[in-house]
């Protein structure tokens, strides 16, 4: 094991300024407090509300980032299980050329600057109102930047957040949410997602009736995997960091907090291609990550949005740091292990 110093440590004051900026953006009525509605199901509202007044103040929200300034960590972690040497041959045979991809899916998931935002929303990148809920005895990381969040304030153009961001301290192990195979590893030198690994999961591996792809961004180091390598549910993939260019520039961000940028796509078949350092499933669609954890249809974002509110607080299956997952029969887990309260 070795002591690692993060690739690009964030300045503590800049990080605090970011939290204050994001707080002001969420505070729709500008009263210095966030209600559950303003918190918008990011998760852990009750745990963060330490004074029990039913609202979150800036100090309480900043607690979400406690310990995130320490850029030194030991890697690999002691509990990192050995990785299988087995290669999934279908990863190579199912990869097709760019010409197999229709223009709508290319624009929707590739999201080139020349593509209209409507192409992405038409293929599922739209707010659904879902959020994570965790077992009562679990302490799990929730989101700060949520699914399909309006990102215009963080960009110089209209944009929606194509995933969920879960802030955690430097070096926290990111974990495979299901058994699958590695289909891509990106260095991300010109990507806002930074260093990223992408896994593909068959219906048998997830229990869902579709092929799914999960992507894990902002890693602090390139993952030590080969393309096609099989991974198990809960397999440690790499360390949390803040890699990726800044929102409005071309240089590595110096203010982004360490976090995972977690993305899910789905498709009816296993065929896929690549463009703009992005894996694009043939006839693929965006999936709200919380719809993934509902473990049942619908997956289409419009249909998920139409669900009653009682079905939008999604009880997430989790992996504890010290015991088997909960429930023990799950095929899916949260991308970080949870502690016990």
C-alpha atoms as a PDB file:
ATOM      1  CA  UNK A   1       0.000   0.000   0.000  1.00  0.00           C
ATOM      2  CA  UNK A   2       1.129   3.536  -0.644  1.00  0.00           C
ATOM      3  CA  UNK A   3       0.211   6.959   0.643  1.00  0.00           C
ATOM      4  CA  UNK A   4      -1.299   8.894  -2.249  1.00  0.00           C
ATOM      5  CA  UNK A   5      -1.549  12.651  -2.618  1.00  0.00           C
ATOM      6  CA  UNK A   6      -4.521  13.651  -4.742  1.00  0.00           C
ATOM      7  CA  UNK A   7      -3.854  14.704  -8.325  1.00  0.00           C
ATOM      8  CA  UNK A   8      -5.354  18.173  -8.009  1.00  0.00           C
ATOM      9  CA  UNK A   9      -6.201  19.196  -4.447  1.00  0.00           C
ATOM     10  CA  UNK A  10      -9.013  21.733  -4.216  1.00  0.00           C
ATOM     11  CA  UNK A  11      -8.468  24.965  -2.348  1.00  0.00           C
ATOM     12  CA  UNK A  12     -10.485  24.783   0.882  1.00  0.00           C
ATOM     13  CA  UNK A  13     -11.811  28.338   0.711  1.00  0.00           C
ATOM     14  CA  UNK A  14     -12.773  27.952  -2.945  1.00  0.00           C
ATOM     15  CA  UNK A  15     -14.637  24.767  -2.022  1.00  0.00           C
ATOM     16  CA  UNK A  16     -16.519  26.601   0.715  1.00  0.00           C
ATOM     17  CA  UNK A  17     -17.356  29.366  -1.714  1.00  0.00           C
ATOM     18  CA  UNK A  18     -18.711  26.730  -4.079  1.00  0.00           C
ATOM     19  CA  UNK A  19     -20.946  25.348  -1.337  1.00  0.00           C
ATOM     20  CA  UNK A  20     -22.228  28.839  -0.563  1.00  0.00           C
ATOM     21  CA  UNK A  21     -22.873  29.508  -4.252  1.00  0.00           C
ATOM     22  CA  UNK A  22     -24.751  26.256  -4.687  1.00  0.00           C
ATOM     23  CA  UNK A  23     -26.694  26.920  -1.488  1.00  0.00           C
ATOM     24  CA  UNK A  24     -27.813  30.314  -2.777  1.00  0.00           C
ATOM     25  CA  UNK A  25     -28.839  28.750  -6.071  1.00  0.00           C
ATOM     26  CA  UNK A  26     -31.007  26.161  -4.284  1.00  0.00           C
ATOM     27  CA  UNK A  27     -32.484  28.726  -1.872  1.00  0.00           C
ATOM     28  CA  UNK A  28     -35.393  29.717  -4.105  1.00  0.00           C
ATOM     29  CA  UNK A  29     -37.022  32.109  -1.603  1.00  0.00           C
ATOM     30  CA  UNK A  30     -33.673  33.580  -0.466  1.00  0.00           C
ATOM     31  CA  UNK A  31     -34.418  33.088   3.232  1.00  0.00           C
ATOM     32  CA  UNK A  32     -31.112  31.458   4.143  1.00  0.00           C
ATOM     33  CA  UNK A  33     -32.718  28.057   4.714  1.00  0.00           C
ATOM     34  CA  UNK A  34     -33.412  25.061   2.487  1.00  0.00           C
ATOM     35  CA  UNK A  35     -36.752  23.332   2.881  1.00  0.00           C
ATOM     36  CA  UNK A  36     -37.199  19.675   1.893  1.00  0.00           C
ATOM     37  CA  UNK A  37     -38.686  20.913  -1.388  1.00  0.00           C
ATOM     38  CA  UNK A  38     -35.636  23.109  -2.077  1.00  0.00           C
ATOM     39  CA  UNK A  39     -33.342  20.227  -1.101  1.00  0.00           C
ATOM     40  CA  UNK A  40     -35.087  18.309  -3.878  1.00  0.00           C
ATOM     41  CA  UNK A  41     -34.590  14.756  -2.623  1.00  0.00           C
ATOM     42  CA  UNK A  42     -30.791  14.843  -2.642  1.00  0.00           C
ATOM     43  CA  UNK A  43     -30.863  12.400   0.291  1.00  0.00           C
ATOM     44  CA  UNK A  44     -30.013  12.550   4.026  1.00  0.00           C
ATOM     45  CA  UNK A  45     -32.113  15.629   4.795  1.00  0.00           C
ATOM     46  CA  UNK A  46     -32.975  14.440   8.321  1.00  0.00           C
ATOM     47  CA  UNK A  47     -29.367  13.463   9.079  1.00  0.00           C
ATOM     48  CA  UNK A  48     -28.042  16.866   7.989  1.00  0.00           C
ATOM     49  CA  UNK A  49     -30.775  18.751   9.897  1.00  0.00           C
ATOM     50  CA  UNK A  50     -28.868  18.599  13.175  1.00  0.00           C
ATOM     51  CA  UNK A  51     -30.977  21.242  14.956  1.00  0.00           C
ATOM     52  CA  UNK A  52     -34.214  19.500  13.956  1.00  0.00           C
ATOM     53  CA  UNK A  53     -35.982  22.610  12.680  1.00  0.00           C
ATOM     54  CA  UNK A  54     -37.088  20.996   9.415  1.00  0.00           C
ATOM     55  CA  UNK A  55     -34.770  23.177   7.301  1.00  0.00           C
ATOM     56  CA  UNK A  56     -31.085  23.174   6.368  1.00  0.00           C
ATOM     57  CA  UNK A  57     -28.855  26.180   6.946  1.00  0.00           C
ATOM     58  CA  UNK A  58     -25.527  26.744   5.217  1.00  0.00           C
ATOM     59  CA  UNK A  59     -23.523  25.351   8.134  1.00  0.00           C
ATOM     60  CA  UNK A  60     -25.570  22.140   8.090  1.00  0.00           C
ATOM     61  CA  UNK A  61     -25.092  21.732   4.344  1.00  0.00           C
ATOM     62  CA  UNK A  62     -21.346  22.270   4.677  1.00  0.00           C
ATOM     63  CA  UNK A  63     -21.270  19.244   6.984  1.00  0.00           C
ATOM     64  CA  UNK A  64     -21.886  17.201   3.819  1.00  0.00           C
ATOM     65  CA  UNK A  65     -18.256  17.948   2.909  1.00  0.00           C
ATOM     66  CA  UNK A  66     -16.587  17.259   6.278  1.00  0.00           C
ATOM     67  CA  UNK A  67     -13.168  15.683   5.823  1.00  0.00           C
ATOM     68  CA  UNK A  68     -13.007  16.459   2.114  1.00  0.00           C
ATOM     69  CA  UNK A  69      -9.931  18.699   2.438  1.00  0.00           C
ATOM     70  CA  UNK A  70      -7.580  15.833   3.320  1.00  0.00           C
ATOM     71  CA  UNK A  71      -5.918  14.919   0.035  1.00  0.00           C
ATOM     72  CA  UNK A  72      -3.710  12.137   1.428  1.00  0.00           C
ATOM     73  CA  UNK A  73      -4.984   8.572   1.441  1.00  0.00           C
ATOM     74  CA  UNK A  74      -3.705   5.001   1.259  1.00  0.00           C
ATOM     75  CA  UNK A  75      -4.223   3.080  -1.982  1.00  0.00           C
ATOM     76  CA  UNK A  76      -5.101   0.354  -2.601  1.00  0.00           C
ATOM     77  CA  UNK A  77      -7.379  -0.035   0.436  1.00  0.00           C
ATOM     78  CA  UNK A  78      -6.909  -3.052   2.700  1.00  0.00           C
ATOM     79  CA  UNK A  79     -10.287  -4.556   1.771  1.00  0.00           C
ATOM     80  CA  UNK A  80      -9.729  -4.389  -1.987  1.00  0.00           C
ATOM     81  CA  UNK A  81     -10.593  -7.846  -3.318  1.00  0.00           C
ATOM     82  CA  UNK A  82      -8.540  -9.344  -6.145  1.00  0.00           C
ATOM     83  CA  UNK A  83      -9.947  -8.745  -9.608  1.00  0.00           C
ATOM     84  CA  UNK A  84     -10.846 -11.652 -11.851  1.00  0.00           C
ATOM     85  CA  UNK A  85      -8.557 -12.254 -14.822  1.00  0.00           C
ATOM     86  CA  UNK A  86     -11.571 -13.423 -16.842  1.00  0.00           C
ATOM     87  CA  UNK A  87     -12.225 -11.423 -20.001  1.00  0.00           C
ATOM     88  CA  UNK A  88     -15.723 -11.109 -21.437  1.00  0.00           C
ATOM     89  CA  UNK A  89     -15.242 -11.711 -25.210  1.00  0.00           C
ATOM     90  CA  UNK A  90     -18.602 -10.117 -26.054  1.00  0.00           C
ATOM     91  CA  UNK A  91     -17.219  -6.694 -25.077  1.00  0.00           C
ATOM     92  CA  UNK A  92     -15.142  -6.786 -28.244  1.00  0.00           C
ATOM     93  CA  UNK A  93     -17.677  -8.481 -30.532  1.00  0.00           C
ATOM     94  CA  UNK A  94     -20.578  -6.238 -29.454  1.00  0.00           C
ATOM     95  CA  UNK A  95     -18.652  -3.040 -30.147  1.00  0.00           C
ATOM     96  CA  UNK A  96     -19.754  -1.608 -33.482  1.00  0.00           C
ATOM     97  CA  UNK A  97     -18.737   1.321 -35.665  1.00  0.00           C
ATOM     98  CA  UNK A  98     -20.077   4.860 -35.422  1.00  0.00           C
ATOM     99  CA  UNK A  99     -22.106   4.289 -38.612  1.00  0.00           C
ATOM    100  CA  UNK A 100     -24.388   1.876 -36.710  1.00  0.00           C
ATOM    101  CA  UNK A 101     -25.557   4.737 -34.512  1.00  0.00           C
ATOM    102  CA  UNK A 102     -28.550   6.842 -35.517  1.00  0.00           C
ATOM    103  CA  UNK A 103     -28.168  10.622 -35.370  1.00  0.00           C
ATOM    104  CA  UNK A 104     -30.755  11.057 -32.618  1.00  0.00           C
ATOM    105  CA  UNK A 105     -28.969   8.733 -30.185  1.00  0.00           C
ATOM    106  CA  UNK A 106     -25.585  10.189 -31.164  1.00  0.00           C
ATOM    107  CA  UNK A 107     -26.781  13.679 -30.278  1.00  0.00           C
ATOM    108  CA  UNK A 108     -28.750  12.588 -27.211  1.00  0.00           C
ATOM    109  CA  UNK A 109     -25.901  10.773 -25.462  1.00  0.00           C
ATOM    110  CA  UNK A 110     -22.809  12.130 -27.233  1.00  0.00           C
ATOM    111  CA  UNK A 111     -24.076  15.684 -26.591  1.00  0.00           C
ATOM    112  CA  UNK A 112     -21.873  17.495 -29.076  1.00  0.00           C
ATOM    113  CA  UNK A 113     -22.098  21.290 -28.901  1.00  0.00           C
ATOM    114  CA  UNK A 114     -23.796  21.225 -32.298  1.00  0.00           C
ATOM    115  CA  UNK A 115     -26.645  19.094 -30.908  1.00  0.00           C
ATOM    116  CA  UNK A 116     -29.783  20.641 -29.438  1.00  0.00           C
ATOM    117  CA  UNK A 117     -30.499  19.996 -25.759  1.00  0.00           C
ATOM    118  CA  UNK A 118     -33.906  18.683 -26.838  1.00  0.00           C
ATOM    119  CA  UNK A 119     -32.216  15.638 -28.374  1.00  0.00           C
ATOM    120  CA  UNK A 120     -31.012  14.584 -24.916  1.00  0.00           C
ATOM    121  CA  UNK A 121     -34.341  15.256 -23.211  1.00  0.00           C
ATOM    122  CA  UNK A 122     -36.137  13.261 -25.898  1.00  0.00           C
ATOM    123  CA  UNK A 123     -33.979  10.269 -24.934  1.00  0.00           C
ATOM    124  CA  UNK A 124     -34.544  10.537 -21.202  1.00  0.00           C
ATOM    125  CA  UNK A 125     -32.355  13.332 -19.816  1.00  0.00           C
ATOM    126  CA  UNK A 126     -35.075  15.141 -17.895  1.00  0.00           C
ATOM    127  CA  UNK A 127     -35.916  15.663 -14.246  1.00  0.00           C
ATOM    128  CA  UNK A 128     -38.077  13.001 -12.651  1.00  0.00           C
ATOM    129  CA  UNK A 129     -38.235  14.094  -9.009  1.00  0.00           C
ATOM    130  CA  UNK A 130     -36.697  10.939  -7.567  1.00  0.00           C
ATOM    131  CA  UNK A 131     -34.241  10.722  -4.689  1.00  0.00           C
ATOM    132  CA  UNK A 132     -32.413   8.141  -2.553  1.00  0.00           C
ATOM    133  CA  UNK A 133     -33.638   6.769   0.754  1.00  0.00           C
ATOM    134  CA  UNK A 134     -31.383   4.583   2.894  1.00  0.00           C
ATOM    135  CA  UNK A 135     -31.991   1.949   5.591  1.00  0.00           C
ATOM    136  CA  UNK A 136     -32.492   3.478   9.048  1.00  0.00           C
ATOM    137  CA  UNK A 137     -29.280   1.968  10.413  1.00  0.00           C
ATOM    138  CA  UNK A 138     -27.119   3.121   7.481  1.00  0.00           C
ATOM    139  CA  UNK A 139     -25.020   6.231   6.960  1.00  0.00           C
ATOM    140  CA  UNK A 140     -24.679   6.579   3.180  1.00  0.00           C
ATOM    141  CA  UNK A 141     -23.530   9.427   0.920  1.00  0.00           C
ATOM    142  CA  UNK A 142     -26.311  11.371  -0.743  1.00  0.00           C
ATOM    143  CA  UNK A 143     -26.172  13.715  -3.717  1.00  0.00           C
ATOM    144  CA  UNK A 144     -25.431  17.393  -4.041  1.00  0.00           C
ATOM    145  CA  UNK A 145     -25.880  17.804  -7.820  1.00  0.00           C
ATOM    146  CA  UNK A 146     -28.911  15.695  -8.645  1.00  0.00           C
ATOM    147  CA  UNK A 147     -30.251  14.015 -11.792  1.00  0.00           C
ATOM    148  CA  UNK A 148     -31.074  16.364 -14.698  1.00  0.00           C
ATOM    149  CA  UNK A 149     -30.358  19.413 -12.539  1.00  0.00           C
ATOM    150  CA  UNK A 150     -30.408  22.663 -14.510  1.00  0.00           C
ATOM    151  CA  UNK A 151     -26.725  23.314 -15.140  1.00  0.00           C
ATOM    152  CA  UNK A 152     -27.038  26.659 -16.931  1.00  0.00           C
ATOM    153  CA  UNK A 153     -25.610  28.408 -13.865  1.00  0.00           C
ATOM    154  CA  UNK A 154     -22.502  26.172 -14.065  1.00  0.00           C
ATOM    155  CA  UNK A 155     -22.010  26.401 -17.832  1.00  0.00           C
ATOM    156  CA  UNK A 156     -21.941  29.114 -20.470  1.00  0.00           C
ATOM    157  CA  UNK A 157     -24.923  27.512 -22.239  1.00  0.00           C
ATOM    158  CA  UNK A 158     -28.156  25.652 -21.521  1.00  0.00           C
ATOM    159  CA  UNK A 159     -27.321  22.263 -19.979  1.00  0.00           C
ATOM    160  CA  UNK A 160     -28.725  19.510 -17.794  1.00  0.00           C
ATOM    161  CA  UNK A 161     -26.745  17.319 -15.401  1.00  0.00           C
ATOM    162  CA  UNK A 162     -26.421  13.874 -16.951  1.00  0.00           C
ATOM    163  CA  UNK A 163     -26.039  11.909 -13.743  1.00  0.00           C
ATOM    164  CA  UNK A 164     -25.832  12.321  -9.977  1.00  0.00           C
ATOM    165  CA  UNK A 165     -22.837  13.611  -8.002  1.00  0.00           C
ATOM    166  CA  UNK A 166     -22.098  12.027  -4.629  1.00  0.00           C
ATOM    167  CA  UNK A 167     -19.396  14.004  -2.751  1.00  0.00           C
ATOM    168  CA  UNK A 168     -16.988  11.916  -0.667  1.00  0.00           C
ATOM    169  CA  UNK A 169     -13.452  12.447   0.663  1.00  0.00           C
ATOM    170  CA  UNK A 170     -10.404  11.961  -1.539  1.00  0.00           C
ATOM    171  CA  UNK A 171      -9.541   8.315  -2.121  1.00  0.00           C
ATOM    172  CA  UNK A 172     -12.911   6.866  -1.058  1.00  0.00           C
ATOM    173  CA  UNK A 173     -13.304   3.653  -3.082  1.00  0.00           C
ATOM    174  CA  UNK A 174     -15.844   3.839  -5.904  1.00  0.00           C
ATOM    175  CA  UNK A 175     -17.587   0.484  -6.301  1.00  0.00           C
ATOM    176  CA  UNK A 176     -19.257  -1.398  -9.132  1.00  0.00           C
ATOM    177  CA  UNK A 177     -23.012  -1.137  -8.620  1.00  0.00           C
ATOM    178  CA  UNK A 178     -23.582  -4.539 -10.241  1.00  0.00           C
ATOM    179  CA  UNK A 179     -21.621  -7.391 -11.756  1.00  0.00           C
ATOM    180  CA  UNK A 180     -20.499  -6.483 -15.263  1.00  0.00           C
ATOM    181  CA  UNK A 181     -17.636  -6.015 -17.699  1.00  0.00           C
ATOM    182  CA  UNK A 182     -15.329  -3.069 -18.349  1.00  0.00           C
ATOM    183  CA  UNK A 183     -16.127  -1.503 -21.741  1.00  0.00           C
ATOM    184  CA  UNK A 184     -14.071   1.691 -21.479  1.00  0.00           C
ATOM    185  CA  UNK A 185     -11.520   3.614 -19.438  1.00  0.00           C
ATOM    186  CA  UNK A 186     -11.083   7.305 -20.291  1.00  0.00           C
ATOM    187  CA  UNK A 187      -8.223   9.544 -19.214  1.00  0.00           C
ATOM    188  CA  UNK A 188     -10.572  12.494 -19.582  1.00  0.00           C
ATOM    189  CA  UNK A 189      -7.932  15.153 -20.219  1.00  0.00           C
ATOM    190  CA  UNK A 190     -10.487  17.308 -22.042  1.00  0.00           C
ATOM    191  CA  UNK A 191     -13.603  16.014 -20.281  1.00  0.00           C
ATOM    192  CA  UNK A 192     -15.529  17.549 -17.416  1.00  0.00           C
ATOM    193  CA  UNK A 193     -16.041  13.999 -16.142  1.00  0.00           C
ATOM    194  CA  UNK A 194     -12.289  13.466 -15.834  1.00  0.00           C
ATOM    195  CA  UNK A 195     -10.896   9.969 -15.363  1.00  0.00           C
ATOM    196  CA  UNK A 196     -13.784   7.570 -15.876  1.00  0.00           C
ATOM    197  CA  UNK A 197     -14.515   3.850 -16.088  1.00  0.00           C
ATOM    198  CA  UNK A 198     -17.608   2.452 -17.828  1.00  0.00           C
ATOM    199  CA  UNK A 199     -19.164  -0.949 -17.138  1.00  0.00           C
ATOM    200  CA  UNK A 200     -21.784  -2.886 -19.098  1.00  0.00           C
ATOM    201  CA  UNK A 201     -24.308  -5.091 -17.299  1.00  0.00           C
ATOM    202  CA  UNK A 202     -26.423  -7.832 -18.837  1.00  0.00           C
ATOM    203  CA  UNK A 203     -30.066  -8.375 -17.812  1.00  0.00           C
ATOM    204  CA  UNK A 204     -28.988 -11.478 -15.905  1.00  0.00           C
ATOM    205  CA  UNK A 205     -26.467  -9.462 -13.906  1.00  0.00           C
ATOM    206  CA  UNK A 206     -28.933  -6.784 -12.784  1.00  0.00           C
ATOM    207  CA  UNK A 207     -32.322  -8.524 -12.883  1.00  0.00           C
ATOM    208  CA  UNK A 208     -33.547  -5.736 -15.186  1.00  0.00           C
ATOM    209  CA  UNK A 209     -34.991  -6.569 -18.626  1.00  0.00           C
ATOM    210  CA  UNK A 210     -32.537  -4.259 -20.438  1.00  0.00           C
ATOM    211  CA  UNK A 211     -28.789  -3.898 -20.968  1.00  0.00           C
ATOM    212  CA  UNK A 212     -27.403  -1.184 -18.721  1.00  0.00           C
ATOM    213  CA  UNK A 213     -24.181   0.843 -18.669  1.00  0.00           C
ATOM    214  CA  UNK A 214     -22.830   2.575 -15.583  1.00  0.00           C
ATOM    215  CA  UNK A 215     -20.103   5.224 -15.673  1.00  0.00           C
ATOM    216  CA  UNK A 216     -17.990   6.449 -12.740  1.00  0.00           C
ATOM    217  CA  UNK A 217     -16.281   9.806 -13.229  1.00  0.00           C
ATOM    218  CA  UNK A 218     -13.909  12.194 -11.389  1.00  0.00           C
ATOM    219  CA  UNK A 219     -11.563   9.373 -10.344  1.00  0.00           C
ATOM    220  CA  UNK A 220      -8.238  10.433  -8.859  1.00  0.00           C
ATOM    221  CA  UNK A 221      -6.219   7.818 -10.756  1.00  0.00           C
ATOM    222  CA  UNK A 222      -6.616   5.570 -13.777  1.00  0.00           C
ATOM    223  CA  UNK A 223      -8.328   2.323 -12.768  1.00  0.00           C
ATOM    224  CA  UNK A 224      -6.166  -0.781 -12.919  1.00  0.00           C
ATOM    225  CA  UNK A 225      -8.438  -2.796 -15.223  1.00  0.00           C
ATOM    226  CA  UNK A 226      -8.362  -4.179 -18.750  1.00  0.00           C
ATOM    227  CA  UNK A 227     -11.074  -3.688 -21.334  1.00  0.00           C
ATOM    228  CA  UNK A 228     -13.414  -6.673 -21.146  1.00  0.00           C
ATOM    229  CA  UNK A 229     -12.403  -7.600 -17.606  1.00  0.00           C
ATOM    230  CA  UNK A 230     -15.277  -8.958 -15.535  1.00  0.00           C
ATOM    231  CA  UNK A 231     -16.062  -7.349 -12.178  1.00  0.00           C
ATOM    232  CA  UNK A 232     -18.292  -8.361  -9.299  1.00  0.00           C
ATOM    233  CA  UNK A 233     -20.973  -6.281  -7.606  1.00  0.00           C
ATOM    234  CA  UNK A 234     -19.243  -4.104  -5.018  1.00  0.00           C
ATOM    235  CA  UNK A 235     -15.817  -4.474  -6.670  1.00  0.00           C
ATOM    236  CA  UNK A 236     -13.592  -1.490  -5.889  1.00  0.00           C
ATOM    237  CA  UNK A 237     -12.950   0.372  -9.141  1.00  0.00           C
ATOM    238  CA  UNK A 238     -10.739   3.283  -8.132  1.00  0.00           C
ATOM    239  CA  UNK A 239     -10.264   6.269  -5.813  1.00  0.00           C
ATOM    240  CA  UNK A 240     -12.557   9.283  -5.609  1.00  0.00           C
ATOM    241  CA  UNK A 241     -11.054  12.550  -6.828  1.00  0.00           C
ATOM    242  CA  UNK A 242     -11.991  15.720  -8.661  1.00  0.00           C
ATOM    243  CA  UNK A 243     -10.422  15.022 -12.069  1.00  0.00           C
ATOM    244  CA  UNK A 244     -11.936  16.773 -15.067  1.00  0.00           C
ATOM    245  CA  UNK A 245     -11.670  20.171 -16.687  1.00  0.00           C
ATOM    246  CA  UNK A 246     -13.481  23.092 -15.107  1.00  0.00           C
ATOM    247  CA  UNK A 247     -17.054  23.852 -16.083  1.00  0.00           C
ATOM    248  CA  UNK A 248     -16.177  26.842 -18.247  1.00  0.00           C
ATOM    249  CA  UNK A 249     -12.579  26.172 -19.213  1.00  0.00           C
ATOM    250  CA  UNK A 250     -10.088  23.654 -20.568  1.00  0.00           C
ATOM    251  CA  UNK A 251      -7.861  23.215 -17.499  1.00  0.00           C
ATOM    252  CA  UNK A 252      -8.236  20.836 -14.573  1.00  0.00           C
ATOM    253  CA  UNK A 253     -10.760  22.197 -12.077  1.00  0.00           C
ATOM    254  CA  UNK A 254      -9.285  23.572  -8.861  1.00  0.00           C
ATOM    255  CA  UNK A 255     -12.596  24.153  -7.060  1.00  0.00           C
ATOM    256  CA  UNK A 256     -14.573  20.968  -7.721  1.00  0.00           C
ATOM    257  CA  UNK A 257     -15.048  18.939  -4.540  1.00  0.00           C
ATOM    258  CA  UNK A 258     -14.064  15.258  -4.679  1.00  0.00           C
ATOM    259  CA  UNK A 259     -17.078  13.223  -5.775  1.00  0.00           C
ATOM    260  CA  UNK A 260     -18.312  10.498  -8.059  1.00  0.00           C
ATOM    261  CA  UNK A 261     -20.207  11.523 -11.163  1.00  0.00           C
ATOM    262  CA  UNK A 262     -22.448   8.493 -11.617  1.00  0.00           C
ATOM    263  CA  UNK A 263     -24.276   7.879 -14.911  1.00  0.00           C
ATOM    264  CA  UNK A 264     -26.620   5.166 -16.210  1.00  0.00           C
ATOM    265  CA  UNK A 265     -27.699   4.376 -19.790  1.00  0.00           C
ATOM    266  CA  UNK A 266     -29.882   1.533 -21.019  1.00  0.00           C
ATOM    267  CA  UNK A 267     -30.652  -0.203 -24.308  1.00  0.00           C
ATOM    268  CA  UNK A 268     -32.593  -3.201 -25.623  1.00  0.00           C
ATOM    269  CA  UNK A 269     -29.509  -4.898 -27.099  1.00  0.00           C
ATOM    270  CA  UNK A 270     -25.824  -5.299 -26.107  1.00  0.00           C
ATOM    271  CA  UNK A 271     -24.387  -3.409 -29.100  1.00  0.00           C
ATOM    272  CA  UNK A 272     -22.557  -0.150 -28.394  1.00  0.00           C
ATOM    273  CA  UNK A 273     -20.068   2.301 -29.849  1.00  0.00           C
ATOM    274  CA  UNK A 274     -17.954   5.244 -28.704  1.00  0.00           C
ATOM    275  CA  UNK A 275     -17.832   8.943 -29.542  1.00  0.00           C
ATOM    276  CA  UNK A 276     -16.429  11.979 -27.712  1.00  0.00           C
ATOM    277  CA  UNK A 277     -14.967   9.752 -24.953  1.00  0.00           C
ATOM    278  CA  UNK A 278     -18.469   8.472 -24.255  1.00  0.00           C
ATOM    279  CA  UNK A 279     -19.870   4.958 -24.572  1.00  0.00           C
ATOM    280  CA  UNK A 280     -23.108   5.168 -26.551  1.00  0.00           C
ATOM    281  CA  UNK A 281     -25.412   2.125 -26.621  1.00  0.00           C
ATOM    282  CA  UNK A 282     -27.146   1.467 -29.933  1.00  0.00           C
ATOM    283  CA  UNK A 283     -30.730   2.723 -29.519  1.00  0.00           C
ATOM    284  CA  UNK A 284     -29.615   3.825 -26.064  1.00  0.00           C
ATOM    285  CA  UNK A 285     -31.391   6.081 -23.618  1.00  0.00           C
ATOM    286  CA  UNK A 286     -30.493   7.980 -20.483  1.00  0.00           C
ATOM    287  CA  UNK A 287     -31.718   6.409 -17.260  1.00  0.00           C
ATOM    288  CA  UNK A 288     -32.294   8.309 -14.054  1.00  0.00           C
ATOM    289  CA  UNK A 289     -29.901   6.482 -11.667  1.00  0.00           C
ATOM    290  CA  UNK A 290     -32.672   6.277  -9.084  1.00  0.00           C
ATOM    291  CA  UNK A 291     -34.915   4.595 -11.658  1.00  0.00           C
ATOM    292  CA  UNK A 292     -32.132   2.014 -11.950  1.00  0.00           C
ATOM    293  CA  UNK A 293     -32.430   1.367  -8.211  1.00  0.00           C
ATOM    294  CA  UNK A 294     -36.224   1.032  -8.322  1.00  0.00           C
ATOM    295  CA  UNK A 295     -35.433  -2.382  -9.871  1.00  0.00           C
ATOM    296  CA  UNK A 296     -38.640  -2.385 -11.863  1.00  0.00           C
ATOM    297  CA  UNK A 297     -40.167  -0.638 -14.832  1.00  0.00           C
ATOM    298  CA  UNK A 298     -40.756   2.056 -15.889  1.00  0.00           C
ATOM    299  CA  UNK A 299     -37.272   3.185 -16.896  1.00  0.00           C
ATOM    300  CA  UNK A 300     -38.362   5.886 -19.337  1.00  0.00           C
ATOM    301  CA  UNK A 301     -37.919   9.245 -17.616  1.00  0.00           C
ATOM    302  CA  UNK A 302     -41.310  10.645 -18.625  1.00  0.00           C
ATOM    303  CA  UNK A 303     -43.009   7.607 -17.099  1.00  0.00           C
ATOM    304  CA  UNK A 304     -40.843   7.841 -13.963  1.00  0.00           C
ATOM    305  CA  UNK A 305     -41.739  11.524 -13.653  1.00  0.00           C
ATOM    306  CA  UNK A 306     -45.441  10.591 -13.786  1.00  0.00           C
ATOM    307  CA  UNK A 307     -45.145   8.175 -10.838  1.00  0.00           C
ATOM    308  CA  UNK A 308     -46.811   9.226  -7.569  1.00  0.00           C
ATOM    309  CA  UNK A 309     -44.525  10.944  -5.065  1.00  0.00           C
ATOM    310  CA  UNK A 310     -44.733   7.908  -2.779  1.00  0.00           C
ATOM    311  CA  UNK A 311     -42.730   5.961  -5.374  1.00  0.00           C
ATOM    312  CA  UNK A 312     -40.056   8.608  -5.872  1.00  0.00           C
ATOM    313  CA  UNK A 313     -38.269   8.176  -2.544  1.00  0.00           C
ATOM    314  CA  UNK A 314     -36.310   5.137  -3.666  1.00  0.00           C
ATOM    315  CA  UNK A 315     -35.036   2.733  -1.011  1.00  0.00           C
ATOM    316  CA  UNK A 316     -31.547   2.007  -2.293  1.00  0.00           C
ATOM    317  CA  UNK A 317     -29.895  -1.410  -1.839  1.00  0.00           C
ATOM    318  CA  UNK A 318     -26.536  -0.888  -0.182  1.00  0.00           C
ATOM    319  CA  UNK A 319     -23.246  -2.506   0.685  1.00  0.00           C
ATOM    320  CA  UNK A 320     -21.987  -1.986   4.213  1.00  0.00           C
ATOM    321  CA  UNK A 321     -18.287  -1.577   4.860  1.00  0.00           C
ATOM    322  CA  UNK A 322     -18.301  -4.484   7.333  1.00  0.00           C
ATOM    323  CA  UNK A 323     -21.123  -6.899   6.399  1.00  0.00           C
ATOM    324  CA  UNK A 324     -22.961  -8.355   3.378  1.00  0.00           C
ATOM    325  CA  UNK A 325     -25.225  -6.111   1.303  1.00  0.00           C
ATOM    326  CA  UNK A 326     -28.759  -5.228   2.325  1.00  0.00           C
ATOM    327  CA  UNK A 327     -30.907  -6.924   1.201  1.00  0.00           C
ATOM    328  CA  UNK A 328     -28.610  -9.939   0.957  1.00  0.00           C
ATOM    329  CA  UNK A 329     -30.206 -11.061  -2.326  1.00  0.00           C
ATOM    330  CA  UNK A 330     -29.680  -7.763  -4.154  1.00  0.00           C
ATOM    331  CA  UNK A 331     -27.947  -7.597  -7.523  1.00  0.00           C
ATOM    332  CA  UNK A 332     -27.489  -3.810  -7.240  1.00  0.00           C
ATOM    333  CA  UNK A 333     -25.760  -1.621  -4.655  1.00  0.00           C
ATOM    334  CA  UNK A 334     -24.980   2.087  -4.172  1.00  0.00           C
ATOM    335  CA  UNK A 335     -21.640   3.129  -5.722  1.00  0.00           C
ATOM    336  CA  UNK A 336     -20.159   3.772  -2.263  1.00  0.00           C
ATOM    337  CA  UNK A 337     -20.193   1.476   0.744  1.00  0.00           C
ATOM    338  CA  UNK A 338     -22.191   2.712   3.730  1.00  0.00           C
ATOM    339  CA  UNK A 339     -21.335   2.848   7.421  1.00  0.00           C
ATOM    340  CA  UNK A 340     -23.678   1.998  10.251  1.00  0.00           C
ATOM    341  CA  UNK A 341     -25.239   4.823  12.223  1.00  0.00           C
END
